[in-house]
Each structure stands twice: as C-alpha cells, then as structure tokens.
C-alpha cells in the first residue's frame, strides 16, 4: 500500500483523521500488491466507534495490531508505515513525535484479538453497486464476498489488453465467447514486445565502436554480454509465442469452419425431421382409418359368426342380475338379441325380453317377444309372417325342466307384416314366466349370472 493512503478516507467518521504530511508520503516508493492488503473495503451503513478504524488507511481494521504508543492499525498498514515512513502516523498527526522513544514504541506491537472479534461482528453492506446484501463483516468476508453476483472482476487477459469487467459467475462464459478477441490482444502484445529490442539497440560493428568497447571495464562487457543473451532468449520466446498464436488462429479458423458445417448439417437435419414428422402424421391418419375399417369388419364378422340361418337361435344373456335391477328401476326395461334368419335368404328376426315384464306381465312376469326386422330378401318372401314360434328358457341344472311357450302369429297384426322401418312392433308372450318362479328356481335357469333363451321357427 502506497503511503498516500495514510490520510484517512472515512471523512464521515467522527473527527478521526486529518490530511498529514502529504509531501512526505508521496516521496516513498509504492509497495507490492501483497503489502497493499489494508482495511476492509465495505459500505458501512452507519458511523462506528473510532477505535474500529485503522490509524493509517482509515478503513475498518483487518488483522488489527496495537502499538506500544497506544494506536491501532491494520497489520499490513503498520508494516508499510514502519517500512516507508518509519514513524507512527497517528503520533505524527497528533504532533507527538518528539523523541526517538515514539518510533521505538511504534515498532513494537501485538495482535489485538478483542477488537478483531468486535469488528468482524459489525453490520456492514456489500460495496458492489446494485447489491443490497447486509450482514456481519465476518459473513461478508467468508461467504458473500466471493459469491456476490455483482462482484466485477478484471478479465484474466487484462494484462494483454482486454478491458472488460465481468461478474465472477459470468467469467467462464466471457472467456469462451471472446477467444478471438483475446488472441488478437496477445498478438498485439507480442508485436509490441518485438519492437522494443530493435528500437533500443545502437548500431555496432564499426572500428570506433570496437575500440570504445575495448576501453570499457570488464564488468560493463559482462553486463552487455548478459543483455545480448537475454535478448536472444527473448527473441526465441517471442518466436515461440508467435508460433503458438499462429497455431491457435489456425485452430480457431478450423473450429469456425466446423461450426459452420455443423450448423448447415443441423438445418438439413431439421428439414428432414420436419418431412418425417409430416409423413408420420399422414401414416397415423391412415392407420386410424384402417383401424376403423378393421373394427367394423370385426364387428361384422362377429355378427356373422353368431348369426343363425336355420330358424333356430340360442341367445346368451349375461349380467342377468344387473339387467333385472335396471329393468325394475326403469333405466333399461328391455334387452334385444342379435339378429337371426329362418334360412339363408329368409326372414330376419330378433328377440326382445322384458326382465321385469311388459303389458299384461308387467312387474309379475318375464316377457319374451319376437321382432320382425327389415331384411335384404323381404321382396321375395311371403307376407304376412305366419310361421309357428317356440320359446324355451333352458334349464342349466337338470337339463329337463325347460320353460317352453309357443304361439302362432296373428296374420292380421301389423307386427307380422312386411317391415317398412328397421323393425316391427314386438309380439309374443307377455307372461312367459312368473318372476316368483324364476326367483325360487334361480339356480336352474341362471348360472354364473347367465341365462340362455332358445327360439325355434318352424315351417
């Protein structure tokens, strides 16, 4: 720390410091960066007790020491003042430097740990512009100082001419994005270094120069020889740096070309991906349409497999308990069977069952009816429909107690005329089976909640 820091900077502190001996301080050479580590540079949000401020730099003391003359300083500030000023700045300010004893007392010091603990517990604010952090000085030094997002640092290539100030968390991004700029800075520095030896050299080789050199003392010739050797070494290093820069420039150019090719390849791939996506959407649409067709074909195939063409049809009714409950509650009063035919080109028929009865059998009987449906061959068939129909509720236990009921169609009923709509009004046996009989013999006619009805059309 150069002694121009001795005039204390805390102008807002309570009458701590006055500018002292500026001419004397500026006469001393600057010290190294290691010795410039003075007090803590923070924005204090209030004025602290004067005992916390360094008697040299005027900031909150870092590693405080107390001299025998009773004044406190940062450890580094004490070392610098002792080396350059050779007297106590506070005593000098107080005009108390009267005897050599004051200088001796200033040399002797001890670490003041009590004051150090008090200083580290002081509430301070982050000095970085835009940062609103506040907290104990100890926490600022140990954690926040290095992690502050507003902490601007010089670029590592500042020695080569880069003037950017970057926050610590953006340093890697800056270095990666400024490779070309940093290479140019290094190249300019090397070019400047190359100019220095050639400009500082004096013409040699004349007889007069040789005679003059012979008159020089041996020490001078030795120093000249060492200088020429250092110059040759510098030229070799310079050439090495130039070769490195050339290689780096070539690598950067190759990298840029590679990046350009990659970008072009990525664009081509994006175009191909877009085309493939369009094809995938078209194929998905085609597959969906085919799935619909397949589902329709499967349904049609199931109908064909379950359809009878000989006038005899067995109807399997599952979930009987649930369907009977739905019928009692009025949600679904009847169920329809799949269609069946009296022959390959015969009448198209189906059965309708009311599980809680209908008409005369409402709420007391199981009602079973025949339904004439509109078929493809109705134009060549005889009307009205007049064939005998027999219904059977199959006994699944003893196989010999089937419930059987038969009827002959009423040819005057509209239910048996040629259909003009999809199906005629159902007609048959409204009192096919009492519900009481069905419940009392439930295990005979319903097994695994399934019932079987058989219809036989004769003639």
Protein backbone atom coordinates (compact mmCIF):
# COMPACT_ATOMS: atom_id res chain seq x y z
CA UNK A 1 0.00 0.00 0.00
CA UNK A 2 1.45 3.34 -1.02
CA UNK A 3 1.56 5.78 1.86
CA UNK A 4 -0.83 8.11 0.09
CA UNK A 5 -3.39 6.02 1.98
CA UNK A 6 -2.29 7.41 5.33
CA UNK A 7 -4.65 10.43 5.03
CA UNK A 8 -7.72 8.60 6.34
CA UNK A 9 -10.58 8.12 3.89
CA UNK A 10 -13.51 7.89 6.31
CA UNK A 11 -14.48 11.53 6.03
CA UNK A 12 -17.86 10.76 7.56
CA UNK A 13 -16.33 9.13 10.68
CA UNK A 14 -16.48 11.23 13.87
CA UNK A 15 -13.39 13.51 13.58
CA UNK A 16 -10.99 10.61 13.19
CA UNK A 17 -8.48 11.83 10.63
CA UNK A 18 -6.86 14.88 9.02
CA UNK A 19 -4.56 15.01 5.99
CA UNK A 20 -0.99 14.82 7.26
CA UNK A 21 2.42 15.01 5.62
CA UNK A 22 1.28 14.53 2.02
CA UNK A 23 4.67 15.56 0.68
CA UNK A 24 6.48 13.06 2.88
CA UNK A 25 4.13 10.19 2.00
CA UNK A 26 4.32 10.71 -1.76
CA UNK A 27 8.11 10.63 -1.64
CA UNK A 28 8.20 6.92 -0.73
CA UNK A 29 8.06 4.23 -3.44
CA UNK A 30 4.93 2.08 -3.82
CA UNK A 31 4.93 -1.30 -2.19
CA UNK A 32 3.89 -4.63 -3.64
CA UNK A 33 0.28 -5.75 -4.06
CA UNK A 34 0.77 -8.17 -1.21
CA UNK A 35 1.54 -5.29 1.15
CA UNK A 36 -1.44 -3.28 -0.08
CA UNK A 37 -3.91 -5.50 1.77
CA UNK A 38 -5.16 -2.79 4.16
CA UNK A 39 -8.52 -2.43 5.90
CA UNK A 40 -11.88 -3.87 4.90
CA UNK A 41 -13.43 -2.04 1.94
CA UNK A 42 -17.16 -2.06 2.72
CA UNK A 43 -20.02 0.41 2.67
CA UNK A 44 -20.89 0.77 6.32
CA UNK A 45 -24.45 1.96 6.78
CA UNK A 46 -23.53 3.90 9.98
CA UNK A 47 -20.54 5.51 11.70
CA UNK A 48 -18.79 3.12 14.08
CA UNK A 49 -16.73 3.82 17.16
CA UNK A 50 -13.39 5.44 16.21
CA UNK A 51 -11.50 2.55 17.80
CA UNK A 52 -12.51 0.26 14.87
CA UNK A 53 -10.78 2.41 12.21
CA UNK A 54 -7.16 1.99 11.12
CA UNK A 55 -4.86 4.90 12.03
CA UNK A 56 -3.32 4.71 8.53
CA UNK A 57 -5.84 3.68 5.83
CA UNK A 58 -8.93 4.93 7.69
CA UNK A 59 -10.95 1.76 6.99
CA UNK A 60 -12.26 -0.93 9.33
CA UNK A 61 -9.11 -2.68 10.54
CA UNK A 62 -8.06 -6.01 9.03
CA UNK A 63 -5.92 -8.15 11.39
CA UNK A 64 -5.67 -5.27 13.89
CA UNK A 65 -2.47 -4.70 15.87
CA UNK A 66 -1.89 -2.26 18.72
CA UNK A 67 1.44 -0.49 19.15
CA UNK A 68 3.09 0.42 22.45
CA UNK A 69 2.28 4.05 21.75
CA UNK A 70 -1.39 3.12 22.08
CA UNK A 71 -2.57 3.34 18.45
CA UNK A 72 -4.21 0.63 16.34
CA UNK A 73 -3.55 -0.22 12.70
CA UNK A 74 -4.17 -2.94 10.13
CA UNK A 75 -1.29 -5.39 10.22
CA UNK A 76 -0.33 -4.56 6.62
CA UNK A 77 -0.68 -0.81 7.18
CA UNK A 78 1.59 -0.99 10.23
CA UNK A 79 4.17 -2.89 8.22
CA UNK A 80 4.04 -0.37 5.37
CA UNK A 81 4.22 2.70 7.62
CA UNK A 82 7.10 1.15 9.54
CA UNK A 83 8.96 0.42 6.30
CA UNK A 84 8.35 3.68 4.42
CA UNK A 85 7.51 6.39 6.99
CA UNK A 86 9.42 4.86 9.93
CA UNK A 87 7.10 6.58 12.41
CA UNK A 88 3.57 6.30 13.79
CA UNK A 89 1.10 8.12 11.50
CA UNK A 90 -1.25 8.78 14.44
CA UNK A 91 1.56 10.24 16.57
CA UNK A 92 2.63 12.31 13.58
CA UNK A 93 -0.91 13.55 13.12
CA UNK A 94 -1.12 14.39 16.82
CA UNK A 95 2.32 16.09 16.64
CA UNK A 96 3.52 13.74 19.32
CA UNK A 97 6.77 12.71 17.56
CA UNK A 98 9.21 14.44 19.89
CA UNK A 99 11.63 11.70 20.85
CA UNK A 100 13.04 8.52 19.37
CA UNK A 101 11.13 6.63 22.01
CA UNK A 102 7.90 7.17 20.00
CA UNK A 103 9.46 5.46 16.98
CA UNK A 104 10.62 2.55 19.12
CA UNK A 105 7.16 2.25 20.63
CA UNK A 106 5.63 2.22 17.14
CA UNK A 107 7.84 -0.69 16.09
CA UNK A 108 6.61 -2.89 18.94
CA UNK A 109 3.06 -4.18 18.54
CA UNK A 110 0.78 -7.09 19.40
CA UNK A 111 -2.29 -8.63 17.73
CA UNK A 112 -5.50 -7.17 19.19
CA UNK A 113 -7.90 -10.16 19.07
CA UNK A 114 -10.62 -8.49 21.14
CA UNK A 115 -11.01 -5.61 18.68
CA UNK A 116 -10.81 -8.08 15.77
CA UNK A 117 -13.81 -10.04 17.09
CA UNK A 118 -15.82 -6.83 17.56
CA UNK A 119 -15.02 -5.66 14.02
CA UNK A 120 -15.95 -8.99 12.44
CA UNK A 121 -19.35 -8.82 14.16
CA UNK A 122 -20.16 -5.31 12.83
CA UNK A 123 -23.14 -4.98 10.48
CA UNK A 124 -21.92 -3.90 7.01
CA UNK A 125 -23.32 -3.57 3.48
CA UNK A 126 -21.89 -5.05 0.28
CA UNK A 127 -19.84 -2.38 -1.58
CA UNK A 128 -20.69 -3.76 -5.04
CA UNK A 129 -23.03 -1.47 -6.95
CA UNK A 130 -26.51 -2.94 -7.31
CA UNK A 131 -26.10 -5.46 -4.44
CA UNK A 132 -28.43 -4.99 -1.44
CA UNK A 133 -26.81 -7.59 0.85
CA UNK A 134 -26.21 -6.64 4.50
CA UNK A 135 -24.90 -8.69 7.38
CA UNK A 136 -21.94 -9.28 9.74
CA UNK A 137 -18.50 -8.44 8.34
CA UNK A 138 -17.37 -11.98 9.13
CA UNK A 139 -20.08 -13.47 6.89
CA UNK A 140 -19.29 -10.94 4.17
CA UNK A 141 -15.62 -11.95 4.08
CA UNK A 142 -16.17 -15.73 4.39
CA UNK A 143 -19.18 -16.23 2.07
CA UNK A 144 -20.75 -13.27 0.31
CA UNK A 145 -17.61 -11.53 -0.96
CA UNK A 146 -16.66 -14.35 -3.35
CA UNK A 147 -20.23 -15.31 -4.32
CA UNK A 148 -21.73 -11.86 -4.92
CA UNK A 149 -23.29 -11.73 -8.39
CA UNK A 150 -22.48 -8.00 -8.62
CA UNK A 151 -18.77 -8.56 -7.88
CA UNK A 152 -17.00 -7.35 -11.01
CA UNK A 153 -13.51 -8.67 -11.75
CA UNK A 154 -10.94 -7.87 -14.38
CA UNK A 155 -10.66 -10.34 -17.24
CA UNK A 156 -7.62 -12.66 -16.83
CA UNK A 157 -6.48 -11.33 -20.22
CA UNK A 158 -6.40 -7.73 -18.93
CA UNK A 159 -2.58 -7.96 -18.98
CA UNK A 160 -2.88 -8.44 -22.74
CA UNK A 161 -5.29 -5.51 -23.21
CA UNK A 162 -8.82 -6.83 -22.54
CA UNK A 163 -10.66 -4.07 -20.64
CA UNK A 164 -13.83 -5.98 -19.76
CA UNK A 165 -15.09 -6.08 -16.15
CA UNK A 166 -17.16 -9.23 -15.59
CA UNK A 167 -19.01 -10.70 -12.64
CA UNK A 168 -17.44 -13.87 -11.27
CA UNK A 169 -20.29 -16.19 -12.32
CA UNK A 170 -20.06 -14.94 -15.94
CA UNK A 171 -16.25 -15.21 -16.24
CA UNK A 172 -16.20 -18.64 -17.94
CA UNK A 173 -18.86 -17.55 -20.43
CA UNK A 174 -16.85 -14.39 -21.28
CA UNK A 175 -13.61 -16.36 -21.81
CA UNK A 176 -15.33 -18.86 -24.13
CA UNK A 177 -17.11 -16.15 -26.12
CA UNK A 178 -14.02 -13.90 -26.53
CA UNK A 179 -11.39 -16.37 -27.75
CA UNK A 180 -10.72 -14.45 -30.97
CA UNK A 181 -10.57 -11.09 -29.15
CA UNK A 182 -8.10 -12.44 -26.57
CA UNK A 183 -5.90 -13.95 -29.30
CA UNK A 184 -5.79 -10.59 -31.04
CA UNK A 185 -4.81 -8.90 -27.75
CA UNK A 186 -1.98 -11.43 -27.22
CA UNK A 187 -0.79 -10.91 -30.80
CA UNK A 188 -0.68 -7.12 -30.36
CA UNK A 189 1.29 -7.51 -27.12
CA UNK A 190 3.80 -9.81 -28.80
CA UNK A 191 4.19 -7.37 -31.67
CA UNK A 192 4.88 -4.56 -29.17
CA UNK A 193 7.43 -6.72 -27.34
CA UNK A 194 9.14 -7.46 -30.65
CA UNK A 195 9.59 -3.75 -31.33
CA UNK A 196 11.34 -2.95 -28.03
CA UNK A 197 14.72 -4.72 -28.57
CA UNK A 198 15.13 -3.43 -32.14
CA UNK A 199 14.47 0.20 -31.10
CA UNK A 200 16.75 0.07 -28.08
CA UNK A 201 19.73 -1.37 -29.92
CA UNK A 202 22.54 1.01 -31.06
CA UNK A 203 24.45 0.39 -34.34
CA UNK A 204 27.50 -1.73 -33.79
CA UNK A 205 30.26 -3.20 -35.90
CA UNK A 206 32.38 -0.10 -36.64
CA UNK A 207 36.04 0.04 -35.65
CA UNK A 208 35.36 3.03 -33.41
CA UNK A 209 32.68 1.05 -31.54
CA UNK A 210 35.09 -1.82 -31.04
CA UNK A 211 37.76 0.50 -29.73
CA UNK A 212 35.26 2.13 -27.39
CA UNK A 213 34.13 -1.27 -26.15
CA UNK A 214 37.74 -2.28 -25.51
CA UNK A 215 38.14 0.76 -23.26
CA UNK A 216 35.06 -0.25 -21.24
CA UNK A 217 35.62 -2.03 -17.94
CA UNK A 218 35.15 -5.86 -17.86
CA UNK A 219 32.01 -5.53 -15.74
CA UNK A 220 30.34 -3.47 -18.46
CA UNK A 221 31.27 -6.01 -21.16
CA UNK A 222 29.90 -8.79 -18.94
CA UNK A 223 26.62 -6.95 -18.47
CA UNK A 224 26.46 -6.29 -22.22
CA UNK A 225 27.00 -10.00 -22.93
CA UNK A 226 24.29 -10.93 -20.46
CA UNK A 227 21.96 -8.39 -22.08
CA UNK A 228 22.62 -9.86 -25.54
CA UNK A 229 21.96 -13.35 -24.17
CA UNK A 230 18.70 -12.20 -22.59
CA UNK A 231 17.80 -10.54 -25.88
CA UNK A 232 18.36 -13.78 -27.79
CA UNK A 233 16.28 -15.68 -25.25
CA UNK A 234 13.54 -13.07 -25.61
CA UNK A 235 13.62 -13.47 -29.40
CA UNK A 236 13.30 -17.25 -29.04
CA UNK A 237 10.36 -16.85 -26.63
CA UNK A 238 8.79 -14.26 -28.94
CA UNK A 239 9.06 -16.62 -31.90
CA UNK A 240 7.58 -19.41 -29.78
CA UNK A 241 4.65 -17.17 -28.80
CA UNK A 242 4.11 -16.20 -32.44
CA UNK A 243 4.06 -19.87 -33.44
CA UNK A 244 1.55 -20.61 -30.67
CA UNK A 245 -0.67 -17.73 -31.78
CA UNK A 246 -0.46 -18.92 -35.40
CA UNK A 247 -1.49 -22.42 -34.37
CA UNK A 248 -4.30 -21.04 -32.22
CA UNK A 249 -5.54 -18.85 -35.07
CA UNK A 250 -5.48 -21.85 -37.39
CA UNK A 251 -7.36 -23.93 -34.82
CA UNK A 252 -9.91 -21.15 -34.33
CA UNK A 253 -10.42 -20.92 -38.09
CA UNK A 254 -10.83 -24.69 -38.30
CA UNK A 255 -13.27 -24.58 -35.38
CA UNK A 256 -15.30 -21.83 -37.04
CA UNK A 257 -15.45 -23.84 -40.27
CA UNK A 258 -16.51 -26.91 -38.32
CA UNK A 259 -19.19 -24.93 -36.50
CA UNK A 260 -20.45 -23.54 -39.82
CA UNK A 261 -20.62 -27.03 -41.31
CA UNK A 262 -22.40 -28.32 -38.19
CA UNK A 263 -24.95 -25.53 -38.38
CA UNK A 264 -25.59 -26.34 -42.04
CA UNK A 265 -25.90 -30.04 -41.20
CA UNK A 266 -28.29 -29.24 -38.32
CA UNK A 267 -30.50 -27.19 -40.66
CA UNK A 268 -30.61 -30.09 -43.12
CA UNK A 269 -31.46 -32.48 -40.30
CA UNK A 270 -34.22 -30.15 -39.07
CA UNK A 271 -35.68 -30.09 -42.61
CA UNK A 272 -35.57 -33.90 -42.82
CA UNK A 273 -37.12 -34.19 -39.36
CA UNK A 274 -39.96 -31.87 -40.42
CA UNK A 275 -40.60 -34.02 -43.51
CA UNK A 276 -40.54 -37.20 -41.43
CA UNK A 277 -42.99 -35.66 -38.95
CA UNK A 278 -45.39 -34.87 -41.82
CA UNK A 279 -45.09 -38.45 -43.09
CA UNK A 280 -45.65 -39.79 -39.57
CA UNK A 281 -48.82 -37.71 -39.23
CA UNK A 282 -50.06 -38.98 -42.61
CA UNK A 283 -49.30 -42.57 -41.62
CA UNK A 284 -51.04 -42.11 -38.25
CA UNK A 285 -54.12 -40.83 -40.07
CA UNK A 286 -54.03 -43.80 -42.49
CA UNK A 287 -53.57 -46.24 -39.61
CA UNK A 288 -56.51 -44.67 -37.76
CA UNK A 289 -58.78 -45.07 -40.81
CA UNK A 290 -57.62 -48.67 -41.24
CA UNK A 291 -58.28 -49.35 -37.55
CA UNK A 292 -61.85 -48.07 -38.01
CA UNK A 293 -62.34 -50.33 -41.03
CA UNK A 294 -60.86 -53.31 -39.17
CA UNK A 295 -63.15 -52.68 -36.19
CA UNK A 296 -66.18 -52.58 -38.47
CA UNK A 297 -65.08 -55.79 -40.18
CA UNK A 298 -64.52 -57.50 -36.83
CA UNK A 299 -67.98 -56.46 -35.69
CA UNK A 300 -69.48 -57.70 -38.93
CA UNK A 301 -67.56 -60.98 -38.61
CA UNK A 302 -68.79 -61.48 -35.05
CA UNK A 303 -72.34 -60.87 -36.20
CA UNK A 304 -71.90 -63.41 -38.98
CA UNK A 305 -70.37 -65.96 -36.62
CA UNK A 306 -73.19 -65.58 -34.10
CA UNK A 307 -75.99 -65.42 -36.67
CA UNK A 308 -78.15 -68.44 -37.27
CA UNK A 309 -79.63 -69.18 -40.73
CA UNK A 310 -81.76 -72.24 -39.94
CA UNK A 311 -84.58 -70.73 -37.87
CA UNK A 312 -83.10 -71.98 -34.60
CA UNK A 313 -81.35 -69.46 -32.39
CA UNK A 314 -79.86 -69.67 -28.86
CA UNK A 315 -79.48 -66.35 -27.07
CA UNK A 316 -76.91 -65.99 -24.26
CA UNK A 317 -77.83 -63.23 -21.77
CA UNK A 318 -75.05 -62.23 -19.34
CA UNK A 319 -75.16 -59.94 -16.24
CA UNK A 320 -78.76 -61.03 -15.58
CA UNK A 321 -78.87 -59.64 -12.01
CA UNK A 322 -77.75 -56.17 -13.07
CA UNK A 323 -80.08 -56.08 -16.08
CA UNK A 324 -83.07 -57.15 -13.93
CA UNK A 325 -82.24 -54.37 -11.45
CA UNK A 326 -82.02 -51.83 -14.28
CA UNK A 327 -85.41 -53.05 -15.53
CA UNK A 328 -87.02 -52.69 -12.06
CA UNK A 329 -85.51 -49.19 -11.68
CA UNK A 330 -86.77 -48.23 -15.14
CA UNK A 331 -83.32 -47.45 -16.56
CA UNK A 332 -83.30 -50.21 -19.24
CA UNK A 333 -86.61 -52.01 -19.46
CA UNK A 334 -85.75 -54.46 -22.28
CA UNK A 335 -82.83 -56.16 -24.00
CA UNK A 336 -82.51 -57.14 -27.68
CA UNK A 337 -80.83 -60.23 -29.08
CA UNK A 338 -78.56 -60.35 -32.13
CA UNK A 339 -80.50 -60.94 -35.39
CA UNK A 340 -81.01 -64.43 -36.84
CA UNK A 341 -82.60 -65.81 -40.04
CA UNK A 342 -85.08 -68.55 -40.86
CA UNK A 343 -82.90 -69.54 -43.83
CA UNK A 344 -80.01 -68.18 -45.87
CA UNK A 345 -82.38 -65.88 -47.78
CA UNK A 346 -85.21 -65.98 -45.24
CA UNK A 347 -86.85 -63.68 -42.71
CA UNK A 348 -84.66 -61.52 -40.48
CA UNK A 349 -85.72 -61.82 -36.82
CA UNK A 350 -84.60 -60.99 -33.29
CA UNK A 351 -85.88 -61.44 -29.72
CA UNK A 352 -86.84 -58.77 -27.17
CA UNK A 353 -87.01 -59.63 -23.48
CA UNK A 354 -88.52 -57.51 -20.68
CA UNK A 355 -86.84 -58.76 -17.48
CA UNK A 356 -89.48 -57.05 -15.30
CA UNK A 357 -92.38 -57.78 -17.60
CA UNK A 358 -94.37 -55.73 -20.11
CA UNK A 359 -98.07 -55.27 -20.79
CA UNK A 360 -100.08 -58.00 -19.05
CA UNK A 361 -96.93 -59.32 -17.38
CA UNK A 362 -95.59 -56.01 -16.09
CA UNK A 363 -93.87 -56.38 -12.67
CA UNK A 364 -95.01 -60.02 -12.36
CA UNK A 365 -93.64 -61.94 -15.31
CA UNK A 366 -90.70 -62.32 -17.61
CA UNK A 367 -91.96 -61.15 -21.04
CA UNK A 368 -90.46 -62.56 -24.27
CA UNK A 369 -91.32 -61.35 -27.78
CA UNK A 370 -90.39 -61.95 -31.41
CA UNK A 371 -89.44 -58.96 -33.58
CA UNK A 372 -89.66 -58.95 -37.41
CA UNK A 373 -86.73 -56.93 -38.79
CA UNK A 374 -86.28 -55.36 -42.21
CA UNK A 375 -84.12 -57.72 -44.29
CA UNK A 376 -82.46 -57.85 -47.72
CA UNK A 377 -84.78 -60.51 -49.10
CA UNK A 378 -88.15 -59.19 -47.91
CA UNK A 379 -89.32 -58.56 -51.50
CA UNK A 380 -89.27 -62.28 -52.38
CA UNK A 381 -90.72 -63.57 -49.11
CA UNK A 382 -94.38 -64.34 -48.28
CA UNK A 383 -96.23 -61.84 -46.10
CA UNK A 384 -97.61 -61.70 -43.51
CA UNK A 385 -95.22 -63.82 -41.47
CA UNK A 386 -97.15 -66.94 -40.39
CA UNK A 387 -94.64 -69.48 -39.09
CA UNK A 388 -95.01 -71.08 -35.65
CA UNK A 389 -92.59 -69.77 -33.00
CA UNK A 390 -91.45 -71.68 -29.89
CA UNK A 391 -89.59 -70.08 -26.96
CA UNK A 392 -87.50 -72.03 -24.40
CA UNK A 393 -85.84 -70.90 -21.17
CA UNK A 394 -83.13 -73.55 -20.85
CA UNK A 395 -82.65 -75.38 -17.54
CA UNK A 396 -78.90 -75.39 -16.84
CA UNK A 397 -79.08 -77.76 -13.87
CA UNK A 398 -81.23 -80.87 -14.67
CA UNK A 399 -81.42 -80.23 -18.41
CA UNK A 400 -85.06 -81.44 -18.45
CA UNK A 401 -87.11 -78.67 -16.84
CA UNK A 402 -87.07 -76.13 -19.63
CA UNK A 403 -89.75 -73.43 -19.65
CA UNK A 404 -91.45 -73.70 -23.05
CA UNK A 405 -94.04 -71.44 -24.68
CA UNK A 406 -95.22 -71.36 -28.31
CA UNK A 407 -97.53 -69.16 -30.37
CA UNK A 408 -98.89 -68.84 -33.91
CA UNK A 409 -98.61 -65.32 -35.40
CA UNK A 410 -101.80 -63.31 -35.88
CA UNK A 411 -101.73 -62.56 -39.61
CA UNK A 412 -103.95 -59.54 -39.05
CA UNK A 413 -101.42 -57.96 -36.67
CA UNK A 414 -99.14 -55.23 -38.04
CA UNK A 415 -96.30 -56.90 -36.11
CA UNK A 416 -96.11 -59.64 -38.79
CA UNK A 417 -96.48 -57.58 -41.98
CA UNK A 418 -93.51 -56.70 -44.21
CA UNK A 419 -91.47 -54.12 -42.23
CA UNK A 420 -91.38 -50.56 -43.52
CA UNK A 421 -88.93 -49.47 -40.85
CA UNK A 422 -85.90 -51.15 -39.30
CA UNK A 423 -88.17 -53.41 -37.19
CA UNK A 424 -91.83 -54.02 -36.40
CA UNK A 425 -93.54 -53.85 -33.02
CA UNK A 426 -92.59 -56.87 -30.89
CA UNK A 427 -95.19 -59.58 -30.37
CA UNK A 428 -95.14 -62.84 -28.43
CA UNK A 429 -95.53 -63.99 -24.79
CA UNK A 430 -96.03 -61.17 -22.25
CA UNK A 431 -96.47 -63.76 -19.48
CA UNK A 432 -93.68 -66.13 -20.43
CA UNK A 433 -92.51 -66.91 -16.85
CA UNK A 434 -93.53 -65.57 -13.43
CA UNK A 435 -90.80 -63.70 -11.61
CA UNK A 436 -91.63 -65.63 -8.44
CA UNK A 437 -90.96 -68.94 -10.18
CA UNK A 438 -87.73 -67.58 -11.62
CA UNK A 439 -86.52 -66.45 -8.18
CA UNK A 440 -87.45 -69.72 -6.50
CA UNK A 441 -85.64 -71.77 -9.17
CA UNK A 442 -82.92 -69.27 -9.84
CA UNK A 443 -80.05 -71.80 -9.81
CA UNK A 444 -81.81 -73.84 -12.51
CA UNK A 445 -82.09 -71.04 -15.05
CA UNK A 446 -79.24 -68.69 -14.09
CA UNK A 447 -75.69 -69.96 -13.68
CA UNK A 448 -72.72 -67.62 -13.32
CA UNK A 449 -75.25 -64.79 -13.76
CA UNK A 450 -76.01 -66.03 -17.31
CA UNK A 451 -79.33 -67.12 -18.86
CA UNK A 452 -79.98 -68.95 -22.16
CA UNK A 453 -83.10 -68.42 -24.31
CA UNK A 454 -83.79 -70.55 -27.38
CA UNK A 455 -86.12 -69.63 -30.24
CA UNK A 456 -87.32 -72.11 -32.91
CA UNK A 457 -89.19 -71.00 -36.04
CA UNK A 458 -91.00 -73.89 -37.75
CA UNK A 459 -92.38 -74.25 -41.22
